Amino acid sequence: MTLIIIAITAFVSILAFSREDLMDKLQFNASKVVHKREYYRLVSHGFVHANWEHLIVNMIVLFSFGRVIEAYFEYGFGRMATAYYLILYFGGMIVSNLYAIYKYRNNFYYNAVGASGAVSAVLFAAIFFEPWNKIYFFGVLPIPGIVFALLYLAYSYYMGRKQNDNVAHDAHFLGAVFGFIFPILLNSSLFQRFMDKLFMVI
């Protein structure tokens, strides 16, 4: 499923780079979701990206960690693995914009694109399963997953409060939290497994 999602996302995003009408139709707009009931935008925005860098970074992270989560789900949930993976991905996509729906519901000019919320959910689910596995920051600096997670959440929260750039940090934060919690919702005993792995090293 990871490769299928990447292929579809890349195709639609590249097409939208030169199709302003398509970008406008698919991007997240809280006002249109609330007042025009264009609920499809809660998902469609994840298939378009602002530029090549935005697309490539998201897809590299998804490729790196999506296959890991698929393997964990196949091992732990058998025939439900694909369904749970899709719920994780698209659930993260939807949950990541819940705050924006409330905050920007009357702002017609607020738009957002990208799969970052969904990708953050997949990344944090991977950290949940293996909190001490190394994540290579910028592809170079190895950081334990749990340390990266704390830094990521702190940074996303701080930048979300400042709101001085054009990045939806709130979406990153909420998507990440959803991804971490999701395995526990599927099987509450996994939280004890996480704690055991966390303190096994400490």
N, C-alpha and C. Protein backbone atom coordinates (compact mmCIF):
# COMPACT_ATOMS: atom_id res chain seq x y z
N MET A 1 0.81 -1.20 0.00
CA MET A 1 0.00 0.00 0.00
C MET A 1 0.85 1.26 0.00
N THR A 2 1.99 1.20 0.67
CA THR A 2 2.86 2.38 0.71
C THR A 2 3.26 2.80 -0.69
N LEU A 3 3.68 1.86 -1.51
CA LEU A 3 4.12 2.18 -2.87
C LEU A 3 2.96 2.68 -3.73
N ILE A 4 1.78 2.14 -3.50
CA ILE A 4 0.60 2.59 -4.25
C ILE A 4 0.27 4.03 -3.88
N ILE A 5 0.28 4.34 -2.59
CA ILE A 5 0.00 5.70 -2.13
C ILE A 5 1.03 6.68 -2.69
N ILE A 6 2.30 6.28 -2.65
CA ILE A 6 3.36 7.14 -3.17
C ILE A 6 3.15 7.40 -4.67
N ALA A 7 2.84 6.36 -5.42
CA ALA A 7 2.66 6.49 -6.86
C ALA A 7 1.50 7.43 -7.19
N ILE A 8 0.37 7.25 -6.52
CA ILE A 8 -0.80 8.09 -6.78
C ILE A 8 -0.52 9.53 -6.37
N THR A 9 0.09 9.70 -5.19
CA THR A 9 0.38 11.05 -4.69
C THR A 9 1.35 11.77 -5.62
N ALA A 10 2.38 11.09 -6.06
CA ALA A 10 3.35 11.70 -6.96
C ALA A 10 2.69 12.10 -8.28
N PHE A 11 1.87 11.22 -8.81
CA PHE A 11 1.20 11.50 -10.09
C PHE A 11 0.29 12.73 -9.98
N VAL A 12 -0.56 12.76 -8.95
CA VAL A 12 -1.50 13.87 -8.79
C VAL A 12 -0.76 15.17 -8.48
N SER A 13 0.25 15.09 -7.62
CA SER A 13 1.00 16.29 -7.25
C SER A 13 1.71 16.90 -8.46
N ILE A 14 2.38 16.06 -9.24
CA ILE A 14 3.09 16.55 -10.43
C ILE A 14 2.11 17.15 -11.42
N LEU A 15 0.96 16.53 -11.56
CA LEU A 15 -0.07 17.06 -12.46
C LEU A 15 -0.55 18.43 -11.97
N ALA A 16 -0.72 18.56 -10.65
CA ALA A 16 -1.24 19.80 -10.08
C ALA A 16 -0.22 20.94 -10.11
N PHE A 17 1.07 20.61 -10.24
CA PHE A 17 2.09 21.65 -10.34
C PHE A 17 1.82 22.59 -11.51
N SER A 18 1.26 22.03 -12.58
CA SER A 18 1.00 22.85 -13.77
C SER A 18 -0.50 23.06 -14.02
N ARG A 19 -1.31 22.62 -13.06
CA ARG A 19 -2.75 22.78 -13.20
C ARG A 19 -3.31 23.52 -11.98
N GLU A 20 -3.38 24.83 -12.08
CA GLU A 20 -3.85 25.63 -10.96
C GLU A 20 -5.28 25.28 -10.58
N ASP A 21 -6.10 24.93 -11.57
CA ASP A 21 -7.48 24.57 -11.29
C ASP A 21 -7.58 23.30 -10.47
N LEU A 22 -6.70 22.34 -10.75
CA LEU A 22 -6.68 21.08 -10.00
C LEU A 22 -6.20 21.32 -8.57
N MET A 23 -5.16 22.14 -8.43
CA MET A 23 -4.66 22.48 -7.10
C MET A 23 -5.75 23.13 -6.27
N ASP A 24 -6.48 24.06 -6.88
CA ASP A 24 -7.55 24.77 -6.18
C ASP A 24 -8.67 23.81 -5.79
N LYS A 25 -8.94 22.84 -6.62
CA LYS A 25 -10.02 21.90 -6.38
C LYS A 25 -9.70 20.92 -5.25
N LEU A 26 -8.42 20.56 -5.11
CA LEU A 26 -8.04 19.51 -4.17
C LEU A 26 -7.50 20.01 -2.84
N GLN A 27 -6.97 21.23 -2.79
CA GLN A 27 -6.32 21.71 -1.58
C GLN A 27 -7.30 21.85 -0.41
N PHE A 28 -6.76 21.79 0.80
CA PHE A 28 -7.57 21.95 2.01
C PHE A 28 -7.94 23.41 2.20
N ASN A 29 -9.23 23.64 2.40
CA ASN A 29 -9.74 24.98 2.69
C ASN A 29 -10.84 24.81 3.72
N ALA A 30 -10.55 25.23 4.96
CA ALA A 30 -11.48 25.01 6.07
C ALA A 30 -12.84 25.65 5.82
N SER A 31 -12.84 26.83 5.23
CA SER A 31 -14.09 27.52 4.96
C SER A 31 -14.98 26.73 4.01
N LYS A 32 -14.38 26.16 2.97
CA LYS A 32 -15.15 25.37 2.01
C LYS A 32 -15.61 24.05 2.61
N VAL A 33 -14.80 23.48 3.51
CA VAL A 33 -15.20 22.25 4.18
C VAL A 33 -16.42 22.50 5.06
N VAL A 34 -16.39 23.58 5.82
CA VAL A 34 -17.45 23.87 6.78
C VAL A 34 -18.69 24.43 6.11
N HIS A 35 -18.50 25.44 5.28
CA HIS A 35 -19.66 26.17 4.75
C HIS A 35 -20.19 25.61 3.43
N LYS A 36 -19.33 24.98 2.65
CA LYS A 36 -19.79 24.39 1.39
C LYS A 36 -19.86 22.87 1.46
N ARG A 37 -19.50 22.33 2.60
CA ARG A 37 -19.55 20.89 2.84
C ARG A 37 -18.73 20.09 1.83
N GLU A 38 -17.59 20.64 1.46
CA GLU A 38 -16.68 19.93 0.56
C GLU A 38 -15.74 19.06 1.40
N TYR A 39 -16.32 18.03 1.99
CA TYR A 39 -15.59 17.20 2.95
C TYR A 39 -14.45 16.42 2.30
N TYR A 40 -14.53 16.20 1.02
CA TYR A 40 -13.48 15.45 0.33
C TYR A 40 -12.12 16.12 0.47
N ARG A 41 -12.11 17.44 0.73
CA ARG A 41 -10.84 18.18 0.86
C ARG A 41 -10.03 17.71 2.08
N LEU A 42 -10.71 17.08 3.04
CA LEU A 42 -10.00 16.56 4.21
C LEU A 42 -9.01 15.47 3.81
N VAL A 43 -9.23 14.84 2.67
CA VAL A 43 -8.35 13.79 2.17
C VAL A 43 -7.61 14.23 0.91
N SER A 44 -8.30 14.91 0.02
CA SER A 44 -7.70 15.25 -1.28
C SER A 44 -6.47 16.13 -1.17
N HIS A 45 -6.39 16.94 -0.11
CA HIS A 45 -5.23 17.83 0.03
C HIS A 45 -3.93 17.06 0.21
N GLY A 46 -4.04 15.82 0.67
CA GLY A 46 -2.85 15.00 0.88
C GLY A 46 -2.24 14.47 -0.40
N PHE A 47 -2.93 14.67 -1.52
CA PHE A 47 -2.42 14.18 -2.80
C PHE A 47 -1.81 15.29 -3.65
N VAL A 48 -1.78 16.51 -3.12
CA VAL A 48 -1.13 17.61 -3.82
C VAL A 48 -0.12 18.27 -2.89
N HIS A 49 0.95 18.79 -3.47
CA HIS A 49 2.03 19.39 -2.68
C HIS A 49 2.42 20.74 -3.26
N ALA A 50 3.06 21.54 -2.41
CA ALA A 50 3.38 22.91 -2.80
C ALA A 50 4.47 22.97 -3.88
N ASN A 51 5.43 22.05 -3.81
CA ASN A 51 6.55 22.07 -4.76
C ASN A 51 7.24 20.71 -4.74
N TRP A 52 8.29 20.58 -5.55
CA TRP A 52 9.01 19.31 -5.64
C TRP A 52 9.64 18.91 -4.30
N GLU A 53 10.25 19.86 -3.62
CA GLU A 53 10.90 19.55 -2.34
C GLU A 53 9.89 19.01 -1.33
N HIS A 54 8.74 19.66 -1.26
CA HIS A 54 7.67 19.23 -0.35
C HIS A 54 7.25 17.80 -0.65
N LEU A 55 7.05 17.52 -1.93
CA LEU A 55 6.63 16.18 -2.36
C LEU A 55 7.70 15.14 -2.07
N ILE A 56 8.94 15.42 -2.45
CA ILE A 56 10.01 14.44 -2.33
C ILE A 56 10.29 14.09 -0.86
N VAL A 57 10.34 15.11 0.01
CA VAL A 57 10.60 14.85 1.43
C VAL A 57 9.51 13.98 2.03
N ASN A 58 8.25 14.32 1.76
CA ASN A 58 7.15 13.53 2.31
C ASN A 58 7.18 12.09 1.81
N MET A 59 7.46 11.92 0.53
CA MET A 59 7.44 10.57 -0.03
C MET A 59 8.63 9.73 0.43
N ILE A 60 9.78 10.36 0.64
CA ILE A 60 10.93 9.62 1.16
C ILE A 60 10.65 9.12 2.57
N VAL A 61 10.08 9.99 3.41
CA VAL A 61 9.75 9.59 4.78
C VAL A 61 8.69 8.50 4.77
N LEU A 62 7.69 8.65 3.92
CA LEU A 62 6.64 7.63 3.84
C LEU A 62 7.20 6.30 3.36
N PHE A 63 8.07 6.33 2.37
CA PHE A 63 8.68 5.10 1.86
C PHE A 63 9.52 4.43 2.94
N SER A 64 10.25 5.23 3.72
CA SER A 64 11.15 4.70 4.74
C SER A 64 10.41 4.03 5.89
N PHE A 65 9.30 4.63 6.31
CA PHE A 65 8.61 4.14 7.50
C PHE A 65 7.28 3.44 7.21
N GLY A 66 6.70 3.71 6.06
CA GLY A 66 5.43 3.07 5.72
C GLY A 66 5.56 1.57 5.59
N ARG A 67 6.63 1.13 4.95
CA ARG A 67 6.84 -0.32 4.78
C ARG A 67 7.09 -1.00 6.12
N VAL A 68 7.73 -0.27 7.05
CA VAL A 68 7.95 -0.82 8.40
C VAL A 68 6.63 -1.04 9.11
N ILE A 69 5.76 -0.04 9.03
CA ILE A 69 4.45 -0.16 9.70
C ILE A 69 3.62 -1.26 9.06
N GLU A 70 3.67 -1.36 7.76
CA GLU A 70 2.93 -2.43 7.09
C GLU A 70 3.39 -3.80 7.61
N ALA A 71 4.68 -3.95 7.81
CA ALA A 71 5.22 -5.22 8.32
C ALA A 71 4.74 -5.48 9.74
N TYR A 72 4.76 -4.46 10.59
CA TYR A 72 4.28 -4.62 11.96
C TYR A 72 2.80 -4.99 11.99
N PHE A 73 2.02 -4.32 11.16
CA PHE A 73 0.58 -4.60 11.13
C PHE A 73 0.30 -6.00 10.59
N GLU A 74 1.05 -6.43 9.60
CA GLU A 74 0.86 -7.78 9.06
C GLU A 74 1.18 -8.84 10.11
N TYR A 75 2.22 -8.58 10.89
CA TYR A 75 2.61 -9.52 11.94
C TYR A 75 1.60 -9.53 13.08
N GLY A 76 1.11 -8.35 13.46
CA GLY A 76 0.24 -8.25 14.63
C GLY A 76 -1.24 -8.38 14.37
N PHE A 77 -1.68 -8.06 13.13
CA PHE A 77 -3.12 -8.01 12.88
C PHE A 77 -3.56 -8.83 11.68
N GLY A 78 -2.65 -9.51 11.03
CA GLY A 78 -3.02 -10.43 9.95
C GLY A 78 -3.82 -9.81 8.84
N ARG A 79 -5.00 -10.36 8.60
CA ARG A 79 -5.81 -9.93 7.47
C ARG A 79 -6.29 -8.49 7.57
N MET A 80 -6.28 -7.92 8.77
CA MET A 80 -6.72 -6.53 8.94
C MET A 80 -5.59 -5.54 8.73
N ALA A 81 -4.41 -6.01 8.42
CA ALA A 81 -3.23 -5.15 8.33
C ALA A 81 -3.42 -4.00 7.35
N THR A 82 -3.88 -4.31 6.14
CA THR A 82 -4.04 -3.27 5.13
C THR A 82 -5.07 -2.24 5.54
N ALA A 83 -6.19 -2.72 6.08
CA ALA A 83 -7.24 -1.80 6.52
C ALA A 83 -6.73 -0.88 7.62
N TYR A 84 -6.02 -1.42 8.59
CA TYR A 84 -5.49 -0.61 9.68
C TYR A 84 -4.45 0.39 9.18
N TYR A 85 -3.65 -0.04 8.22
CA TYR A 85 -2.65 0.87 7.67
C TYR A 85 -3.32 2.06 6.98
N LEU A 86 -4.36 1.79 6.22
CA LEU A 86 -5.08 2.86 5.54
C LEU A 86 -5.78 3.78 6.53
N ILE A 87 -6.30 3.20 7.61
CA ILE A 87 -6.94 4.02 8.64
C ILE A 87 -5.91 4.91 9.31
N LEU A 88 -4.73 4.36 9.57
CA LEU A 88 -3.64 5.15 10.16
C LEU A 88 -3.29 6.31 9.25
N TYR A 89 -3.08 6.03 7.97
CA TYR A 89 -2.63 7.06 7.04
C TYR A 89 -3.69 8.13 6.82
N PHE A 90 -4.87 7.71 6.44
CA PHE A 90 -5.91 8.70 6.13
C PHE A 90 -6.53 9.28 7.40
N GLY A 91 -6.51 8.50 8.48
CA GLY A 91 -6.95 9.05 9.76
C GLY A 91 -6.03 10.17 10.21
N GLY A 92 -4.71 9.95 10.04
CA GLY A 92 -3.74 10.99 10.37
C GLY A 92 -3.95 12.22 9.51
N MET A 93 -4.28 12.01 8.26
CA MET A 93 -4.52 13.11 7.32
C MET A 93 -5.71 13.96 7.78
N ILE A 94 -6.78 13.30 8.21
CA ILE A 94 -7.98 14.00 8.64
C ILE A 94 -7.79 14.67 10.00
N VAL A 95 -7.30 13.90 10.96
CA VAL A 95 -7.11 14.43 12.32
C VAL A 95 -6.16 15.62 12.33
N SER A 96 -5.15 15.60 11.47
CA SER A 96 -4.16 16.66 11.46
C SER A 96 -4.76 18.03 11.14
N ASN A 97 -5.93 18.05 10.52
CA ASN A 97 -6.54 19.33 10.15
C ASN A 97 -7.76 19.71 10.98
N LEU A 98 -8.04 18.96 12.04
CA LEU A 98 -9.20 19.27 12.86
C LEU A 98 -9.11 20.64 13.51
N TYR A 99 -7.92 20.98 13.99
CA TYR A 99 -7.74 22.29 14.61
C TYR A 99 -7.88 23.41 13.58
N ALA A 100 -7.34 23.17 12.39
CA ALA A 100 -7.43 24.17 11.33
C ALA A 100 -8.87 24.39 10.90
N ILE A 101 -9.67 23.33 10.90
CA ILE A 101 -11.09 23.47 10.55
C ILE A 101 -11.77 24.44 11.52
N TYR A 102 -11.47 24.28 12.79
CA TYR A 102 -12.07 25.17 13.80
C TYR A 102 -11.50 26.59 13.68
N LYS A 103 -10.19 26.70 13.57
CA LYS A 103 -9.53 28.00 13.61
C LYS A 103 -9.79 28.83 12.35
N TYR A 104 -9.80 28.17 11.20
CA TYR A 104 -9.90 28.90 9.94
C TYR A 104 -11.23 28.69 9.22
N ARG A 105 -12.24 28.27 9.95
CA ARG A 105 -13.53 27.95 9.32
C ARG A 105 -14.16 29.15 8.62
N ASN A 106 -13.83 30.36 9.06
CA ASN A 106 -14.40 31.55 8.44
C ASN A 106 -13.36 32.33 7.62
N ASN A 107 -12.21 31.70 7.38
CA ASN A 107 -11.15 32.34 6.60
C ASN A 107 -11.09 31.68 5.22
N PHE A 108 -11.72 32.31 4.26
CA PHE A 108 -11.81 31.74 2.92
C PHE A 108 -10.44 31.64 2.25
N TYR A 109 -9.48 32.44 2.71
CA TYR A 109 -8.19 32.52 2.04
C TYR A 109 -7.15 31.55 2.61
N TYR A 110 -7.52 30.80 3.66
CA TYR A 110 -6.57 29.84 4.23
C TYR A 110 -6.63 28.54 3.45
N ASN A 111 -5.50 28.16 2.87
CA ASN A 111 -5.39 26.90 2.13
C ASN A 111 -4.17 26.12 2.62
N ALA A 112 -4.22 24.81 2.50
CA ALA A 112 -3.09 23.98 2.87
C ALA A 112 -3.03 22.76 1.96
N VAL A 113 -1.81 22.31 1.68
CA VAL A 113 -1.63 21.11 0.84
C VAL A 113 -0.56 20.23 1.46
N GLY A 114 -0.56 18.98 1.05
CA GLY A 114 0.50 18.07 1.47
C GLY A 114 0.05 16.95 2.37
N ALA A 115 0.83 15.87 2.35
CA ALA A 115 0.52 14.68 3.14
C ALA A 115 1.28 14.66 4.46
N SER A 116 1.79 15.79 4.90
CA SER A 116 2.65 15.82 6.08
C SER A 116 1.98 15.28 7.33
N GLY A 117 0.70 15.58 7.52
CA GLY A 117 -0.01 15.08 8.70
C GLY A 117 -0.09 13.56 8.69
N ALA A 118 -0.41 13.00 7.53
CA ALA A 118 -0.49 11.54 7.39
C ALA A 118 0.88 10.90 7.53
N VAL A 119 1.89 11.52 6.93
CA VAL A 119 3.25 10.99 7.01
C VAL A 119 3.76 11.05 8.44
N SER A 120 3.42 12.13 9.16
CA SER A 120 3.81 12.24 10.57
C SER A 120 3.17 11.11 11.38
N ALA A 121 1.93 10.75 11.04
CA ALA A 121 1.25 9.66 11.74
C ALA A 121 1.99 8.35 11.53
N VAL A 122 2.41 8.07 10.31
CA VAL A 122 3.14 6.85 10.01
C VAL A 122 4.49 6.84 10.72
N LEU A 123 5.19 7.97 10.68
CA LEU A 123 6.49 8.09 11.34
C LEU A 123 6.38 7.83 12.84
N PHE A 124 5.39 8.43 13.48
CA PHE A 124 5.27 8.28 14.93
C PHE A 124 4.75 6.91 15.33
N ALA A 125 4.01 6.25 14.45
CA ALA A 125 3.63 4.86 14.73
C ALA A 125 4.88 3.99 14.72
N ALA A 126 5.80 4.28 13.79
CA ALA A 126 7.06 3.53 13.74
C ALA A 126 7.88 3.78 15.00
N ILE A 127 7.89 5.01 15.47
CA ILE A 127 8.61 5.33 16.71
C ILE A 127 7.97 4.62 17.90
N PHE A 128 6.67 4.52 17.88
CA PHE A 128 5.96 3.82 18.96
C PHE A 128 6.42 2.36 19.05
N PHE A 129 6.53 1.70 17.91
CA PHE A 129 6.90 0.29 17.91
C PHE A 129 8.38 0.07 18.25
N GLU A 130 9.23 1.00 17.83
CA GLU A 130 10.67 0.86 18.10
C GLU A 130 11.23 2.22 18.52
N PRO A 131 11.00 2.61 19.78
CA PRO A 131 11.36 3.97 20.22
C PRO A 131 12.85 4.31 20.19
N TRP A 132 13.71 3.29 20.19
CA TRP A 132 15.15 3.57 20.21
C TRP A 132 15.83 3.39 18.86
N ASN A 133 15.07 2.99 17.85
CA ASN A 133 15.65 2.92 16.52
C ASN A 133 16.08 4.31 16.06
N LYS A 134 17.20 4.36 15.35
CA LYS A 134 17.75 5.64 14.92
C LYS A 134 16.95 6.22 13.75
N ILE A 135 16.74 7.52 13.83
CA ILE A 135 16.19 8.28 12.71
C ILE A 135 17.28 9.24 12.26
N TYR A 136 17.56 9.23 10.97
CA TYR A 136 18.65 10.06 10.45
C TYR A 136 18.11 11.43 10.06
N PHE A 137 18.36 12.39 10.95
CA PHE A 137 17.91 13.76 10.74
C PHE A 137 18.64 14.36 9.55
N PHE A 138 17.86 14.87 8.58
CA PHE A 138 18.43 15.37 7.33
C PHE A 138 19.25 14.30 6.61
N GLY A 139 18.93 13.02 6.92
CA GLY A 139 19.61 11.92 6.28
C GLY A 139 21.04 11.70 6.73
N VAL A 140 21.47 12.43 7.76
CA VAL A 140 22.87 12.37 8.18
C VAL A 140 23.02 12.10 9.68
N LEU A 141 22.35 12.89 10.50
CA LEU A 141 22.55 12.84 11.95
C LEU A 141 21.65 11.79 12.59
N PRO A 142 22.22 10.72 13.17
CA PRO A 142 21.39 9.67 13.80
C PRO A 142 20.87 10.11 15.17
N ILE A 143 19.56 10.04 15.35
CA ILE A 143 18.92 10.41 16.61
C ILE A 143 17.97 9.30 17.02
N PRO A 144 18.00 8.86 18.29
CA PRO A 144 17.02 7.86 18.74
C PRO A 144 15.60 8.36 18.45
N GLY A 145 14.75 7.46 17.98
CA GLY A 145 13.40 7.84 17.59
C GLY A 145 12.64 8.60 18.65
N ILE A 146 12.72 8.15 19.90
CA ILE A 146 11.94 8.79 20.95
C ILE A 146 12.44 10.20 21.22
N VAL A 147 13.75 10.42 21.07
CA VAL A 147 14.32 11.76 21.24
C VAL A 147 13.86 12.65 20.09
N PHE A 148 13.91 12.10 18.88
CA PHE A 148 13.44 12.85 17.72
C PHE A 148 11.97 13.23 17.90
N ALA A 149 11.17 12.29 18.41
CA ALA A 149 9.74 12.53 18.60
C ALA A 149 9.49 13.71 19.53
N LEU A 150 10.20 13.74 20.64
CA LEU A 150 10.03 14.83 21.60
C LEU A 150 10.45 16.17 21.00
N LEU A 151 11.56 16.18 20.28
CA LEU A 151 12.03 17.40 19.65
C LEU A 151 11.06 17.87 18.56
N TYR A 152 10.54 16.92 17.81
CA TYR A 152 9.60 17.22 16.73
C TYR A 152 8.31 17.84 17.27
N LEU A 153 7.78 17.24 18.33
CA LEU A 153 6.55 17.77 18.93
C LEU A 153 6.78 19.15 19.52
N ALA A 154 7.89 19.32 20.22
CA ALA A 154 8.20 20.62 20.82
C ALA A 154 8.35 21.70 19.75
N TYR A 155 9.07 21.36 18.69
CA TYR A 155 9.28 22.31 17.60
C TYR A 155 7.97 22.65 16.91
N SER A 156 7.16 21.63 16.62
CA SER A 156 5.88 21.85 15.94
C SER A 156 4.95 22.71 16.78
N TYR A 157 4.92 22.45 18.08
CA TYR A 157 4.07 23.24 18.98
C TYR A 157 4.55 24.69 19.03
N TYR A 158 5.86 24.87 19.18
CA TYR A 158 6.43 26.22 19.27
C TYR A 158 6.19 27.02 17.99
N MET A 159 6.47 26.40 16.85
CA MET A 159 6.30 27.10 15.58
C MET A 159 4.82 27.32 15.26
N GLY A 160 3.99 26.40 15.70
CA GLY A 160 2.56 26.59 15.51
C GLY A 160 2.02 27.78 16.27
N ARG A 161 2.60 28.02 17.43
CA ARG A 161 2.20 29.19 18.23
C ARG A 161 2.71 30.49 17.61
N LYS A 162 3.92 30.45 17.04
CA LYS A 162 4.51 31.66 16.46
C LYS A 162 3.82 32.04 15.15
N GLN A 163 3.52 31.05 14.32
CA GLN A 163 2.83 31.26 13.04
C GLN A 163 3.54 32.31 12.18
N ASN A 164 4.83 32.20 12.05
CA ASN A 164 5.56 33.18 11.26
C ASN A 164 6.14 32.60 9.98
N ASP A 165 5.65 31.42 9.59
CA ASP A 165 6.05 30.87 8.30
C ASP A 165 4.82 30.31 7.60
N ASN A 166 5.04 29.65 6.51
CA ASN A 166 3.91 29.16 5.71
C ASN A 166 3.74 27.65 5.84
N VAL A 167 4.04 27.13 7.03
CA VAL A 167 3.98 25.69 7.28
C VAL A 167 2.88 25.39 8.30
N ALA A 168 2.11 24.36 8.05
CA ALA A 168 1.01 23.97 8.97
C ALA A 168 1.57 23.10 10.09
N HIS A 169 2.26 23.73 11.04
CA HIS A 169 2.88 22.98 12.13
C HIS A 169 1.85 22.29 13.01
N ASP A 170 0.67 22.88 13.14
CA ASP A 170 -0.40 22.24 13.93
C ASP A 170 -0.78 20.89 13.32
N ALA A 171 -0.79 20.83 12.01
CA ALA A 171 -1.12 19.57 11.33
C ALA A 171 -0.04 18.52 11.59
N HIS A 172 1.21 18.93 11.59
CA HIS A 172 2.30 18.01 11.88
C HIS A 172 2.16 17.45 13.30
N PHE A 173 1.86 18.34 14.24
CA PHE A 173 1.74 17.95 15.64
C PHE A 173 0.59 16.96 15.83
N LEU A 174 -0.58 17.30 15.32
CA LEU A 174 -1.76 16.45 15.52
C LEU A 174 -1.62 15.11 14.80
N GLY A 175 -1.05 15.14 13.60
CA GLY A 175 -0.84 13.89 12.87
C GLY A 175 0.11 12.97 13.63
N ALA A 176 1.15 13.55 14.20
CA ALA A 176 2.13 12.77 14.96
C ALA A 176 1.49 12.14 16.19
N VAL A 177 0.71 12.91 16.92
CA VAL A 177 0.04 12.40 18.12
C VAL A 177 -0.92 11.27 17.77
N PHE A 178 -1.66 11.45 16.68
CA PHE A 178 -2.58 10.40 16.23
C PHE A 178 -1.82 9.12 15.91
N GLY A 179 -0.70 9.26 15.21
CA GLY A 179 0.08 8.09 14.84
C GLY A 179 0.62 7.33 16.03
N PHE A 180 0.99 8.06 17.08
CA PHE A 180 1.51 7.42 18.28
C PHE A 180 0.39 6.70 19.05
N ILE A 181 -0.78 7.28 19.08
CA ILE A 181 -1.89 6.72 19.84
C ILE A 181 -2.58 5.58 19.10
N PHE A 182 -2.58 5.62 17.78
CA PHE A 182 -3.36 4.67 16.99
C PHE A 182 -3.10 3.20 17.33
N PRO A 183 -1.83 2.74 17.45
CA PRO A 183 -1.63 1.34 17.79
C PRO A 183 -2.25 0.96 19.14
N ILE A 184 -2.27 1.90 20.08
CA ILE A 184 -2.87 1.63 21.39
C ILE A 184 -4.37 1.46 21.26
N LEU A 185 -4.98 2.22 20.35
CA LEU A 185 -6.42 2.09 20.12
C LEU A 185 -6.74 0.72 19.54
N LEU A 186 -5.83 0.18 18.75
CA LEU A 186 -6.04 -1.14 18.16
C LEU A 186 -5.85 -2.25 19.19
N ASN A 187 -4.86 -2.06 20.07
CA ASN A 187 -4.55 -3.07 21.07
C ASN A 187 -3.90 -2.37 22.27
N SER A 188 -4.65 -2.21 23.34
CA SER A 188 -4.17 -1.44 24.49
C SER A 188 -2.92 -2.06 25.13
N SER A 189 -2.72 -3.36 24.96
CA SER A 189 -1.55 -4.01 25.56
C SER A 189 -0.24 -3.56 24.90
N LEU A 190 -0.35 -2.94 23.72
CA LEU A 190 0.85 -2.46 23.04
C LEU A 190 1.51 -1.31 23.80
N PHE A 191 0.74 -0.62 24.63
CA PHE A 191 1.34 0.46 25.40
C PHE A 191 2.35 -0.08 26.40
N GLN A 192 2.03 -1.22 27.02
CA GLN A 192 2.97 -1.83 27.95
C GLN A 192 4.21 -2.30 27.20
N ARG A 193 4.03 -2.79 25.99
CA ARG A 193 5.17 -3.18 25.15
C ARG A 193 6.06 -1.98 24.87
N PHE A 194 5.43 -0.85 24.57
CA PHE A 194 6.20 0.38 24.33
C PHE A 194 6.99 0.77 25.57
N MET A 195 6.35 0.73 26.73
CA MET A 195 7.02 1.11 27.97
C MET A 195 8.19 0.17 28.26
N ASP A 196 7.98 -1.11 28.01
CA ASP A 196 9.06 -2.08 28.25
C ASP A 196 10.25 -1.78 27.35
N LYS A 197 9.99 -1.49 26.07
CA LYS A 197 11.07 -1.18 25.15
C LYS A 197 11.75 0.13 25.53
N LEU A 198 10.95 1.10 25.97
CA LEU A 198 11.49 2.41 26.32
C LEU A 198 12.45 2.30 27.50
N PHE A 199 12.05 1.59 28.55
CA PHE A 199 12.86 1.53 29.76
C PHE A 199 13.87 0.39 29.73
N MET A 200 13.79 -0.46 28.72
CA MET A 200 14.76 -1.52 28.57
C MET A 200 16.15 -0.92 28.36
N VAL A 201 16.20 0.19 27.64
CA VAL A 201 17.46 0.86 27.35
C VAL A 201 17.84 1.78 28.48
N ILE A 202 16.85 2.51 28.99
CA ILE A 202 17.12 3.46 30.08
C ILE A 202 17.59 2.71 31.33
